[in-house]
Amino acid sequence: MTVSSERVALVTGANRGIGLGVVRLLAARGFTTILGSRDRAKGEDVARPLAEGGLRVIPRQLDVTDQESIDRLKSWIEEQFGRLDALVNNAAIIYDSWQRAAEADLNTVREAFETNTLGAWRMCRAFIFAGWRNALTGIAMHSCAFAGRGLLELSAMITWAQLGAANGADAMTGAVRPAGARLFPPGGGAFLV
């Protein structure tokens, strides 16, 4: 295992949208940034122009609902860098704003919960609670983790699955503090410090 002196960040769900924007920002600030994408080819397609522009962006396949995918990436990061300085849990699916909690298709809610809540939790477990405590210094939950807290008129997924993410984020905050990491709510840029 190599222990790199460079700052290393991992962004999940990073092949488009907010995740891709965070990848650009972290890489522009000097991080070697791992662009996690369920579809490796899509990740490679969006990483190529960033790398050609001089940014250190490395695409890797990552499905936050698949523990084997997480474990493979964790092993690769450990082998390549020996550390991870920032984890940005951005992977999220199915913004089901067409549903209300009373009539929601619970299979849709369950699918969203699996990625949006448990996916972020799996990532934190893999990179914080399993021996990575000394290197990881910043964590950002995905951008909508707190969106649904107490707002009963929002969509079923936000009201329930994202409320679960918010409660999970509260639990993670207490859990990561002894590990030496910090949990930053979405909307800020504090994890870049």
N, C-alpha and C. Protein backbone atom coordinates (compact mmCIF):
# COMPACT_ATOMS: atom_id res chain seq x y z
N MET A 1 0.83 -1.19 0.00
CA MET A 1 0.00 0.00 0.00
C MET A 1 0.88 1.25 0.00
N THR A 2 0.56 2.16 -0.87
CA THR A 2 1.23 3.45 -0.95
C THR A 2 0.47 4.44 -0.09
N VAL A 3 1.17 5.27 0.66
CA VAL A 3 0.51 6.36 1.37
C VAL A 3 0.89 7.64 0.66
N SER A 4 -0.08 8.19 -0.02
CA SER A 4 0.15 9.36 -0.85
C SER A 4 0.15 10.62 0.00
N SER A 5 0.90 11.62 -0.45
CA SER A 5 0.89 12.90 0.24
C SER A 5 -0.17 13.83 -0.36
N GLU A 6 -0.73 13.44 -1.50
CA GLU A 6 -1.75 14.29 -2.12
C GLU A 6 -3.09 14.14 -1.40
N ARG A 7 -3.90 15.19 -1.47
CA ARG A 7 -5.25 15.13 -0.89
C ARG A 7 -6.15 14.39 -1.88
N VAL A 8 -6.91 13.42 -1.36
CA VAL A 8 -7.73 12.56 -2.19
C VAL A 8 -9.19 12.69 -1.76
N ALA A 9 -10.07 12.89 -2.76
CA ALA A 9 -11.51 13.00 -2.50
C ALA A 9 -12.25 11.98 -3.35
N LEU A 10 -13.36 11.50 -2.85
CA LEU A 10 -14.25 10.60 -3.58
C LEU A 10 -15.63 11.23 -3.61
N VAL A 11 -16.20 11.32 -4.81
CA VAL A 11 -17.57 11.83 -4.99
C VAL A 11 -18.40 10.72 -5.59
N THR A 12 -19.49 10.34 -4.91
CA THR A 12 -20.39 9.32 -5.45
C THR A 12 -21.43 9.99 -6.35
N GLY A 13 -21.96 9.21 -7.28
CA GLY A 13 -22.98 9.77 -8.19
C GLY A 13 -22.47 10.99 -8.92
N ALA A 14 -21.28 10.89 -9.50
CA ALA A 14 -20.57 12.08 -9.95
C ALA A 14 -20.49 12.25 -11.46
N ASN A 15 -21.22 11.48 -12.22
CA ASN A 15 -21.08 11.60 -13.67
C ASN A 15 -21.98 12.67 -14.29
N ARG A 16 -22.73 13.40 -13.46
CA ARG A 16 -23.55 14.51 -13.97
C ARG A 16 -24.04 15.36 -12.80
N GLY A 17 -24.63 16.48 -13.14
CA GLY A 17 -25.31 17.32 -12.16
C GLY A 17 -24.42 17.83 -11.05
N ILE A 18 -24.97 17.84 -9.84
CA ILE A 18 -24.27 18.36 -8.66
C ILE A 18 -22.96 17.61 -8.42
N GLY A 19 -23.00 16.29 -8.56
CA GLY A 19 -21.81 15.48 -8.32
C GLY A 19 -20.66 15.87 -9.23
N LEU A 20 -20.96 16.06 -10.51
CA LEU A 20 -19.92 16.47 -11.46
C LEU A 20 -19.39 17.86 -11.11
N GLY A 21 -20.29 18.74 -10.70
CA GLY A 21 -19.86 20.07 -10.27
C GLY A 21 -18.93 20.01 -9.07
N VAL A 22 -19.23 19.14 -8.13
CA VAL A 22 -18.37 18.99 -6.95
C VAL A 22 -17.02 18.41 -7.36
N VAL A 23 -17.02 17.46 -8.29
CA VAL A 23 -15.75 16.91 -8.79
C VAL A 23 -14.89 18.03 -9.36
N ARG A 24 -15.48 18.87 -10.21
CA ARG A 24 -14.73 19.99 -10.81
C ARG A 24 -14.15 20.90 -9.73
N LEU A 25 -14.97 21.24 -8.75
CA LEU A 25 -14.56 22.14 -7.69
C LEU A 25 -13.42 21.56 -6.86
N LEU A 26 -13.56 20.31 -6.45
CA LEU A 26 -12.51 19.68 -5.65
C LEU A 26 -11.20 19.56 -6.44
N ALA A 27 -11.31 19.13 -7.69
CA ALA A 27 -10.11 18.98 -8.52
C ALA A 27 -9.45 20.34 -8.75
N ALA A 28 -10.25 21.38 -8.96
CA ALA A 28 -9.70 22.72 -9.15
C ALA A 28 -9.00 23.23 -7.89
N ARG A 29 -9.40 22.70 -6.74
CA ARG A 29 -8.77 23.09 -5.48
C ARG A 29 -7.60 22.19 -5.10
N GLY A 30 -7.19 21.35 -6.04
CA GLY A 30 -5.98 20.58 -5.82
C GLY A 30 -6.17 19.16 -5.34
N PHE A 31 -7.39 18.71 -5.17
CA PHE A 31 -7.62 17.32 -4.77
C PHE A 31 -7.44 16.40 -5.97
N THR A 32 -6.87 15.24 -5.74
CA THR A 32 -7.03 14.14 -6.69
C THR A 32 -8.44 13.64 -6.42
N THR A 33 -9.30 13.72 -7.42
CA THR A 33 -10.72 13.47 -7.19
C THR A 33 -11.16 12.21 -7.94
N ILE A 34 -11.72 11.29 -7.19
CA ILE A 34 -12.24 10.05 -7.75
C ILE A 34 -13.71 10.27 -8.07
N LEU A 35 -14.04 10.12 -9.33
CA LEU A 35 -15.39 10.33 -9.83
C LEU A 35 -16.10 8.98 -9.83
N GLY A 36 -16.96 8.77 -8.83
CA GLY A 36 -17.70 7.51 -8.72
C GLY A 36 -18.96 7.55 -9.57
N SER A 37 -19.16 6.49 -10.36
CA SER A 37 -20.29 6.42 -11.27
C SER A 37 -20.74 4.97 -11.40
N ARG A 38 -22.07 4.73 -11.32
CA ARG A 38 -22.56 3.36 -11.51
C ARG A 38 -22.12 2.81 -12.86
N ASP A 39 -22.19 3.65 -13.89
CA ASP A 39 -21.81 3.26 -15.24
C ASP A 39 -20.40 3.78 -15.51
N ARG A 40 -19.44 2.89 -15.53
CA ARG A 40 -18.04 3.30 -15.67
C ARG A 40 -17.80 4.09 -16.95
N ALA A 41 -18.42 3.68 -18.07
CA ALA A 41 -18.23 4.37 -19.35
C ALA A 41 -18.70 5.82 -19.27
N LYS A 42 -19.83 6.05 -18.62
CA LYS A 42 -20.32 7.43 -18.47
C LYS A 42 -19.34 8.25 -17.63
N GLY A 43 -18.82 7.65 -16.59
CA GLY A 43 -17.83 8.33 -15.76
C GLY A 43 -16.57 8.67 -16.54
N GLU A 44 -16.12 7.74 -17.35
CA GLU A 44 -14.93 7.99 -18.17
C GLU A 44 -15.17 9.10 -19.18
N ASP A 45 -16.38 9.12 -19.78
CA ASP A 45 -16.71 10.15 -20.77
C ASP A 45 -16.67 11.56 -20.18
N VAL A 46 -17.16 11.73 -18.95
CA VAL A 46 -17.17 13.08 -18.37
C VAL A 46 -15.85 13.43 -17.71
N ALA A 47 -15.08 12.43 -17.31
CA ALA A 47 -13.78 12.69 -16.68
C ALA A 47 -12.72 13.08 -17.71
N ARG A 48 -12.83 12.55 -18.90
CA ARG A 48 -11.81 12.77 -19.93
C ARG A 48 -11.52 14.26 -20.16
N PRO A 49 -12.54 15.09 -20.45
CA PRO A 49 -12.23 16.50 -20.70
C PRO A 49 -11.68 17.22 -19.46
N LEU A 50 -12.06 16.79 -18.28
CA LEU A 50 -11.52 17.40 -17.07
C LEU A 50 -10.03 17.09 -16.94
N ALA A 51 -9.69 15.83 -17.17
CA ALA A 51 -8.28 15.42 -17.10
C ALA A 51 -7.47 16.10 -18.20
N GLU A 52 -8.06 16.20 -19.40
CA GLU A 52 -7.36 16.88 -20.50
C GLU A 52 -7.15 18.37 -20.20
N GLY A 53 -8.01 18.91 -19.35
CA GLY A 53 -7.88 20.31 -18.94
C GLY A 53 -6.92 20.51 -17.77
N GLY A 54 -6.25 19.43 -17.37
CA GLY A 54 -5.23 19.55 -16.33
C GLY A 54 -5.70 19.20 -14.93
N LEU A 55 -6.94 18.78 -14.77
CA LEU A 55 -7.44 18.41 -13.44
C LEU A 55 -7.17 16.93 -13.19
N ARG A 56 -6.85 16.62 -11.95
CA ARG A 56 -6.59 15.21 -11.59
C ARG A 56 -7.90 14.57 -11.19
N VAL A 57 -8.60 13.99 -12.18
CA VAL A 57 -9.89 13.33 -11.99
C VAL A 57 -9.76 11.91 -12.49
N ILE A 58 -10.14 10.96 -11.63
CA ILE A 58 -10.02 9.54 -11.96
C ILE A 58 -11.40 8.90 -11.87
N PRO A 59 -11.95 8.44 -13.00
CA PRO A 59 -13.26 7.78 -12.96
C PRO A 59 -13.14 6.35 -12.46
N ARG A 60 -14.08 5.94 -11.60
CA ARG A 60 -14.12 4.56 -11.11
C ARG A 60 -15.58 4.13 -11.00
N GLN A 61 -15.83 2.87 -11.31
CA GLN A 61 -17.17 2.33 -11.18
C GLN A 61 -17.52 2.23 -9.70
N LEU A 62 -18.74 2.67 -9.35
CA LEU A 62 -19.21 2.60 -7.97
C LEU A 62 -20.73 2.58 -7.95
N ASP A 63 -21.30 1.56 -7.36
CA ASP A 63 -22.73 1.48 -7.12
C ASP A 63 -22.92 1.42 -5.61
N VAL A 64 -23.46 2.46 -5.02
CA VAL A 64 -23.57 2.54 -3.56
C VAL A 64 -24.57 1.56 -2.97
N THR A 65 -25.36 0.88 -3.82
CA THR A 65 -26.28 -0.15 -3.35
C THR A 65 -25.64 -1.54 -3.35
N ASP A 66 -24.41 -1.63 -3.82
CA ASP A 66 -23.72 -2.91 -3.98
C ASP A 66 -22.45 -2.92 -3.12
N GLN A 67 -22.48 -3.66 -2.02
CA GLN A 67 -21.35 -3.67 -1.10
C GLN A 67 -20.07 -4.16 -1.78
N GLU A 68 -20.17 -5.10 -2.70
CA GLU A 68 -18.97 -5.57 -3.41
C GLU A 68 -18.35 -4.45 -4.24
N SER A 69 -19.18 -3.61 -4.86
CA SER A 69 -18.68 -2.47 -5.62
C SER A 69 -17.95 -1.49 -4.70
N ILE A 70 -18.52 -1.24 -3.55
CA ILE A 70 -17.90 -0.35 -2.56
C ILE A 70 -16.57 -0.94 -2.08
N ASP A 71 -16.58 -2.22 -1.78
CA ASP A 71 -15.36 -2.88 -1.29
C ASP A 71 -14.25 -2.87 -2.33
N ARG A 72 -14.60 -3.09 -3.61
CA ARG A 72 -13.59 -3.04 -4.68
C ARG A 72 -12.96 -1.65 -4.76
N LEU A 73 -13.81 -0.62 -4.71
CA LEU A 73 -13.28 0.73 -4.79
C LEU A 73 -12.44 1.07 -3.57
N LYS A 74 -12.88 0.65 -2.43
CA LYS A 74 -12.12 0.91 -1.20
C LYS A 74 -10.74 0.26 -1.28
N SER A 75 -10.69 -0.99 -1.76
CA SER A 75 -9.39 -1.68 -1.90
C SER A 75 -8.50 -0.95 -2.89
N TRP A 76 -9.07 -0.49 -4.00
CA TRP A 76 -8.30 0.23 -4.99
C TRP A 76 -7.74 1.53 -4.42
N ILE A 77 -8.58 2.28 -3.70
CA ILE A 77 -8.13 3.54 -3.10
C ILE A 77 -7.01 3.27 -2.09
N GLU A 78 -7.19 2.23 -1.30
CA GLU A 78 -6.17 1.90 -0.31
C GLU A 78 -4.85 1.54 -1.00
N GLU A 79 -4.92 0.78 -2.08
CA GLU A 79 -3.73 0.38 -2.81
C GLU A 79 -3.06 1.57 -3.51
N GLN A 80 -3.85 2.44 -4.11
CA GLN A 80 -3.32 3.56 -4.88
C GLN A 80 -2.84 4.72 -4.02
N PHE A 81 -3.58 5.02 -2.95
CA PHE A 81 -3.32 6.25 -2.18
C PHE A 81 -3.08 6.01 -0.70
N GLY A 82 -3.65 4.95 -0.15
CA GLY A 82 -3.51 4.69 1.28
C GLY A 82 -4.27 5.66 2.16
N ARG A 83 -5.16 6.44 1.55
CA ARG A 83 -5.89 7.45 2.33
C ARG A 83 -7.07 7.96 1.53
N LEU A 84 -8.00 8.58 2.24
CA LEU A 84 -9.10 9.33 1.62
C LEU A 84 -9.35 10.52 2.52
N ASP A 85 -9.26 11.71 1.97
CA ASP A 85 -9.39 12.93 2.76
C ASP A 85 -10.80 13.49 2.79
N ALA A 86 -11.57 13.24 1.74
CA ALA A 86 -12.94 13.77 1.69
C ALA A 86 -13.84 12.78 0.97
N LEU A 87 -15.01 12.54 1.55
CA LEU A 87 -16.03 11.69 0.95
C LEU A 87 -17.27 12.53 0.75
N VAL A 88 -17.75 12.62 -0.50
CA VAL A 88 -18.96 13.38 -0.81
C VAL A 88 -20.00 12.38 -1.28
N ASN A 89 -20.99 12.14 -0.44
CA ASN A 89 -22.08 11.22 -0.76
C ASN A 89 -23.14 11.96 -1.56
N ASN A 90 -23.03 11.89 -2.85
CA ASN A 90 -23.94 12.61 -3.74
C ASN A 90 -24.92 11.68 -4.47
N ALA A 91 -24.64 10.38 -4.53
CA ALA A 91 -25.48 9.46 -5.29
C ALA A 91 -26.92 9.49 -4.77
N ALA A 92 -27.85 9.69 -5.68
CA ALA A 92 -29.27 9.72 -5.33
C ALA A 92 -30.09 9.42 -6.58
N ILE A 93 -31.27 8.84 -6.38
CA ILE A 93 -32.14 8.48 -7.50
C ILE A 93 -33.58 8.86 -7.21
N ILE A 94 -34.41 8.79 -8.21
CA ILE A 94 -35.87 8.85 -8.16
C ILE A 94 -36.41 9.99 -7.28
N TYR A 95 -36.35 11.18 -7.79
CA TYR A 95 -36.99 12.28 -7.09
C TYR A 95 -38.47 12.26 -7.46
N ASP A 96 -39.23 11.50 -6.71
CA ASP A 96 -40.63 11.19 -7.05
C ASP A 96 -41.59 12.28 -6.57
N SER A 97 -41.44 13.47 -7.10
CA SER A 97 -42.28 14.59 -6.67
C SER A 97 -43.74 14.43 -7.10
N TRP A 98 -44.03 13.45 -7.92
CA TRP A 98 -45.40 13.20 -8.35
C TRP A 98 -46.19 12.44 -7.29
N GLN A 99 -45.54 11.89 -6.28
CA GLN A 99 -46.23 11.09 -5.27
C GLN A 99 -46.41 11.86 -3.97
N ARG A 100 -47.47 11.56 -3.29
CA ARG A 100 -47.71 12.06 -1.94
C ARG A 100 -47.62 10.87 -0.99
N ALA A 101 -47.24 11.12 0.23
CA ALA A 101 -46.99 10.05 1.19
C ALA A 101 -48.17 9.10 1.35
N ALA A 102 -49.38 9.61 1.35
CA ALA A 102 -50.56 8.78 1.58
C ALA A 102 -50.79 7.76 0.46
N GLU A 103 -50.39 8.10 -0.76
CA GLU A 103 -50.64 7.21 -1.90
C GLU A 103 -49.36 6.67 -2.53
N ALA A 104 -48.25 6.86 -1.93
CA ALA A 104 -46.96 6.53 -2.55
C ALA A 104 -46.83 5.04 -2.85
N ASP A 105 -46.17 4.75 -3.95
CA ASP A 105 -45.78 3.38 -4.28
C ASP A 105 -44.57 3.05 -3.41
N LEU A 106 -44.77 2.18 -2.44
CA LEU A 106 -43.70 1.91 -1.47
C LEU A 106 -42.50 1.20 -2.10
N ASN A 107 -42.69 0.54 -3.22
CA ASN A 107 -41.54 -0.03 -3.92
C ASN A 107 -40.64 1.06 -4.45
N THR A 108 -41.24 2.15 -4.95
CA THR A 108 -40.46 3.29 -5.42
C THR A 108 -39.73 3.95 -4.25
N VAL A 109 -40.45 4.12 -3.15
CA VAL A 109 -39.85 4.72 -1.96
C VAL A 109 -38.71 3.84 -1.45
N ARG A 110 -38.91 2.52 -1.43
CA ARG A 110 -37.88 1.59 -0.96
C ARG A 110 -36.63 1.67 -1.85
N GLU A 111 -36.84 1.74 -3.16
CA GLU A 111 -35.70 1.84 -4.09
C GLU A 111 -34.91 3.12 -3.84
N ALA A 112 -35.62 4.23 -3.66
CA ALA A 112 -34.95 5.50 -3.38
C ALA A 112 -34.22 5.44 -2.04
N PHE A 113 -34.86 4.87 -1.04
CA PHE A 113 -34.26 4.77 0.29
C PHE A 113 -32.97 3.94 0.24
N GLU A 114 -32.98 2.87 -0.56
CA GLU A 114 -31.80 2.00 -0.67
C GLU A 114 -30.58 2.78 -1.17
N THR A 115 -30.79 3.64 -2.15
CA THR A 115 -29.66 4.42 -2.69
C THR A 115 -29.41 5.67 -1.87
N ASN A 116 -30.44 6.46 -1.67
CA ASN A 116 -30.29 7.81 -1.12
C ASN A 116 -29.93 7.82 0.36
N THR A 117 -30.38 6.83 1.10
CA THR A 117 -30.10 6.80 2.53
C THR A 117 -29.07 5.72 2.87
N LEU A 118 -29.40 4.48 2.53
CA LEU A 118 -28.51 3.39 2.89
C LEU A 118 -27.20 3.42 2.10
N GLY A 119 -27.23 3.93 0.88
CA GLY A 119 -26.00 4.06 0.10
C GLY A 119 -24.99 4.96 0.78
N ALA A 120 -25.46 6.12 1.22
CA ALA A 120 -24.57 7.04 1.94
C ALA A 120 -24.06 6.41 3.24
N TRP A 121 -24.95 5.70 3.90
CA TRP A 121 -24.58 5.04 5.15
C TRP A 121 -23.50 3.98 4.89
N ARG A 122 -23.69 3.17 3.83
CA ARG A 122 -22.69 2.16 3.48
C ARG A 122 -21.32 2.79 3.24
N MET A 123 -21.33 3.91 2.52
CA MET A 123 -20.07 4.59 2.22
C MET A 123 -19.38 5.06 3.50
N CYS A 124 -20.14 5.63 4.40
CA CYS A 124 -19.56 6.08 5.68
C CYS A 124 -19.02 4.90 6.47
N ARG A 125 -19.77 3.80 6.47
CA ARG A 125 -19.28 2.61 7.18
C ARG A 125 -17.99 2.12 6.57
N ALA A 126 -17.91 2.09 5.26
CA ALA A 126 -16.73 1.56 4.59
C ALA A 126 -15.49 2.42 4.81
N PHE A 127 -15.68 3.73 4.79
CA PHE A 127 -14.52 4.62 4.81
C PHE A 127 -14.23 5.26 6.15
N ILE A 128 -15.14 5.18 7.10
CA ILE A 128 -14.88 5.78 8.40
C ILE A 128 -14.72 4.73 9.48
N PHE A 129 -15.68 3.83 9.55
CA PHE A 129 -15.75 2.92 10.69
C PHE A 129 -14.92 1.66 10.51
N ALA A 130 -14.24 1.54 9.38
CA ALA A 130 -13.48 0.31 9.11
C ALA A 130 -11.99 0.61 8.98
N GLY A 131 -11.45 1.40 9.87
CA GLY A 131 -10.02 1.59 9.91
C GLY A 131 -9.49 2.78 9.12
N TRP A 132 -10.36 3.62 8.58
CA TRP A 132 -9.91 4.78 7.81
C TRP A 132 -9.96 6.04 8.65
N ARG A 133 -10.11 5.90 9.93
CA ARG A 133 -10.31 7.05 10.81
C ARG A 133 -9.18 8.06 10.76
N ASN A 134 -7.98 7.62 10.55
CA ASN A 134 -6.84 8.54 10.64
C ASN A 134 -6.69 9.43 9.42
N ALA A 135 -7.27 9.07 8.28
CA ALA A 135 -7.05 9.86 7.07
C ALA A 135 -8.25 10.74 6.71
N LEU A 136 -9.46 10.23 6.92
CA LEU A 136 -10.65 10.94 6.45
C LEU A 136 -10.94 12.13 7.35
N THR A 137 -10.95 13.31 6.78
CA THR A 137 -11.16 14.52 7.56
C THR A 137 -12.43 15.27 7.20
N GLY A 138 -13.09 14.92 6.12
CA GLY A 138 -14.30 15.63 5.74
C GLY A 138 -15.31 14.72 5.08
N ILE A 139 -16.58 14.90 5.41
CA ILE A 139 -17.65 14.13 4.80
C ILE A 139 -18.76 15.10 4.45
N ALA A 140 -19.34 14.93 3.28
CA ALA A 140 -20.52 15.72 2.94
C ALA A 140 -21.62 14.76 2.56
N MET A 141 -22.75 14.88 3.19
CA MET A 141 -23.90 14.06 2.80
C MET A 141 -24.44 14.61 1.49
N HIS A 142 -25.21 13.79 0.76
CA HIS A 142 -25.67 14.26 -0.54
C HIS A 142 -26.59 15.46 -0.39
N SER A 143 -26.70 16.21 -1.45
CA SER A 143 -27.22 17.57 -1.42
C SER A 143 -28.63 17.71 -0.89
N CYS A 144 -29.42 16.65 -0.91
CA CYS A 144 -30.80 16.81 -0.44
C CYS A 144 -31.05 16.06 0.86
N ALA A 145 -30.00 15.71 1.58
CA ALA A 145 -30.15 14.89 2.78
C ALA A 145 -31.05 15.50 3.84
N PHE A 146 -31.11 16.80 3.90
CA PHE A 146 -31.90 17.44 4.94
C PHE A 146 -33.19 18.04 4.39
N ALA A 147 -33.45 17.88 3.10
CA ALA A 147 -34.53 18.60 2.44
C ALA A 147 -35.89 18.33 3.04
N GLY A 148 -36.19 17.10 3.44
CA GLY A 148 -37.54 16.77 3.82
C GLY A 148 -37.84 16.86 5.30
N ARG A 149 -36.94 17.23 6.11
CA ARG A 149 -37.13 17.23 7.54
C ARG A 149 -38.36 18.03 7.96
N GLY A 150 -39.41 17.31 8.33
CA GLY A 150 -40.60 17.94 8.88
C GLY A 150 -41.53 18.58 7.86
N LEU A 151 -41.28 18.47 6.60
CA LEU A 151 -42.12 19.12 5.60
C LEU A 151 -43.07 18.09 5.00
N LEU A 152 -44.26 17.95 5.58
CA LEU A 152 -45.16 16.87 5.24
C LEU A 152 -45.82 17.01 3.88
N GLU A 153 -45.79 18.18 3.28
CA GLU A 153 -46.44 18.36 1.99
C GLU A 153 -45.53 18.02 0.82
N LEU A 154 -44.28 17.68 1.07
CA LEU A 154 -43.38 17.35 -0.03
C LEU A 154 -43.64 15.93 -0.51
N SER A 155 -42.91 15.53 -1.53
CA SER A 155 -43.11 14.22 -2.13
C SER A 155 -42.88 13.10 -1.12
N ALA A 156 -43.38 11.94 -1.47
CA ALA A 156 -43.25 10.78 -0.59
C ALA A 156 -41.79 10.47 -0.32
N MET A 157 -40.96 10.49 -1.36
CA MET A 157 -39.56 10.14 -1.16
C MET A 157 -38.88 11.15 -0.25
N ILE A 158 -39.11 12.43 -0.49
CA ILE A 158 -38.47 13.43 0.33
C ILE A 158 -39.00 13.35 1.76
N THR A 159 -40.30 13.19 1.89
CA THR A 159 -40.88 13.15 3.22
C THR A 159 -40.39 11.95 4.02
N TRP A 160 -40.21 10.80 3.36
CA TRP A 160 -39.84 9.60 4.10
C TRP A 160 -38.40 9.19 3.89
N ALA A 161 -37.99 8.95 2.67
CA ALA A 161 -36.63 8.48 2.45
C ALA A 161 -35.61 9.54 2.82
N GLN A 162 -35.86 10.78 2.44
CA GLN A 162 -34.88 11.82 2.76
C GLN A 162 -34.92 12.18 4.24
N LEU A 163 -36.08 12.06 4.86
CA LEU A 163 -36.14 12.24 6.30
C LEU A 163 -35.26 11.18 6.96
N GLY A 164 -35.29 9.96 6.40
CA GLY A 164 -34.39 8.91 6.90
C GLY A 164 -32.94 9.30 6.72
N ALA A 165 -32.62 9.92 5.58
CA ALA A 165 -31.24 10.36 5.36
C ALA A 165 -30.86 11.43 6.36
N ALA A 166 -31.78 12.35 6.64
CA ALA A 166 -31.50 13.40 7.61
C ALA A 166 -31.27 12.80 8.99
N ASN A 167 -32.12 11.86 9.38
CA ASN A 167 -31.94 11.22 10.68
C ASN A 167 -30.65 10.40 10.69
N GLY A 168 -30.34 9.74 9.56
CA GLY A 168 -29.08 9.03 9.44
C GLY A 168 -27.90 9.97 9.55
N ALA A 169 -28.05 11.16 8.95
CA ALA A 169 -26.98 12.16 9.03
C ALA A 169 -26.78 12.60 10.48
N ASP A 170 -27.87 12.76 11.22
CA ASP A 170 -27.75 13.10 12.63
C ASP A 170 -26.98 12.01 13.39
N ALA A 171 -27.32 10.75 13.09
CA ALA A 171 -26.63 9.63 13.74
C ALA A 171 -25.16 9.61 13.34
N MET A 172 -24.90 9.86 12.05
CA MET A 172 -23.52 9.86 11.57
C MET A 172 -22.69 10.96 12.22
N THR A 173 -23.31 12.12 12.44
CA THR A 173 -22.58 13.23 13.05
C THR A 173 -21.96 12.79 14.37
N GLY A 174 -22.76 12.16 15.22
CA GLY A 174 -22.26 11.69 16.50
C GLY A 174 -21.25 10.57 16.35
N ALA A 175 -21.43 9.74 15.33
CA ALA A 175 -20.55 8.59 15.15
C ALA A 175 -19.19 8.97 14.59
N VAL A 176 -19.15 9.97 13.72
CA VAL A 176 -17.87 10.30 13.08
C VAL A 176 -16.99 11.18 13.95
N ARG A 177 -17.58 11.91 14.88
CA ARG A 177 -16.79 12.82 15.71
C ARG A 177 -15.65 12.10 16.42
N PRO A 178 -15.89 10.95 17.08
CA PRO A 178 -14.76 10.25 17.72
C PRO A 178 -13.74 9.73 16.71
N ALA A 179 -14.17 9.57 15.44
CA ALA A 179 -13.27 9.07 14.40
C ALA A 179 -12.38 10.17 13.85
N GLY A 180 -12.59 11.40 14.29
CA GLY A 180 -11.76 12.50 13.82
C GLY A 180 -12.25 13.12 12.53
N ALA A 181 -13.40 12.69 12.04
CA ALA A 181 -13.96 13.25 10.81
C ALA A 181 -15.08 14.21 11.18
N ARG A 182 -15.46 15.04 10.21
CA ARG A 182 -16.55 15.98 10.44
C ARG A 182 -17.62 15.76 9.38
N LEU A 183 -18.88 15.92 9.79
CA LEU A 183 -20.00 15.80 8.87
C LEU A 183 -20.51 17.18 8.57
N PHE A 184 -20.52 17.54 7.30
CA PHE A 184 -20.99 18.86 6.91
C PHE A 184 -22.30 18.75 6.19
N PRO A 185 -23.29 19.53 6.60
CA PRO A 185 -24.57 19.51 5.90
C PRO A 185 -24.42 20.08 4.50
N PRO A 186 -25.35 19.72 3.61
CA PRO A 186 -25.28 20.22 2.24
C PRO A 186 -25.47 21.73 2.19
N GLY A 187 -25.03 22.32 1.09
CA GLY A 187 -25.24 23.74 0.89
C GLY A 187 -24.02 24.57 1.20
N GLY A 188 -23.09 24.02 1.95
CA GLY A 188 -21.89 24.79 2.27
C GLY A 188 -20.71 24.29 1.48
N GLY A 189 -19.60 24.86 1.71
CA GLY A 189 -18.38 24.39 1.08
C GLY A 189 -17.34 24.08 2.11
N ALA A 190 -17.78 23.94 3.35
CA ALA A 190 -16.86 23.81 4.46
C ALA A 190 -15.96 22.59 4.35
N PHE A 191 -16.45 21.53 3.68
CA PHE A 191 -15.64 20.34 3.60
C PHE A 191 -14.41 20.53 2.74
N LEU A 192 -14.31 21.66 2.06
CA LEU A 192 -13.15 21.92 1.21
C LEU A 192 -11.98 22.52 1.98
N VAL A 193 -12.21 22.93 3.19
CA VAL A 193 -11.17 23.58 3.98
C VAL A 193 -10.07 22.61 4.34
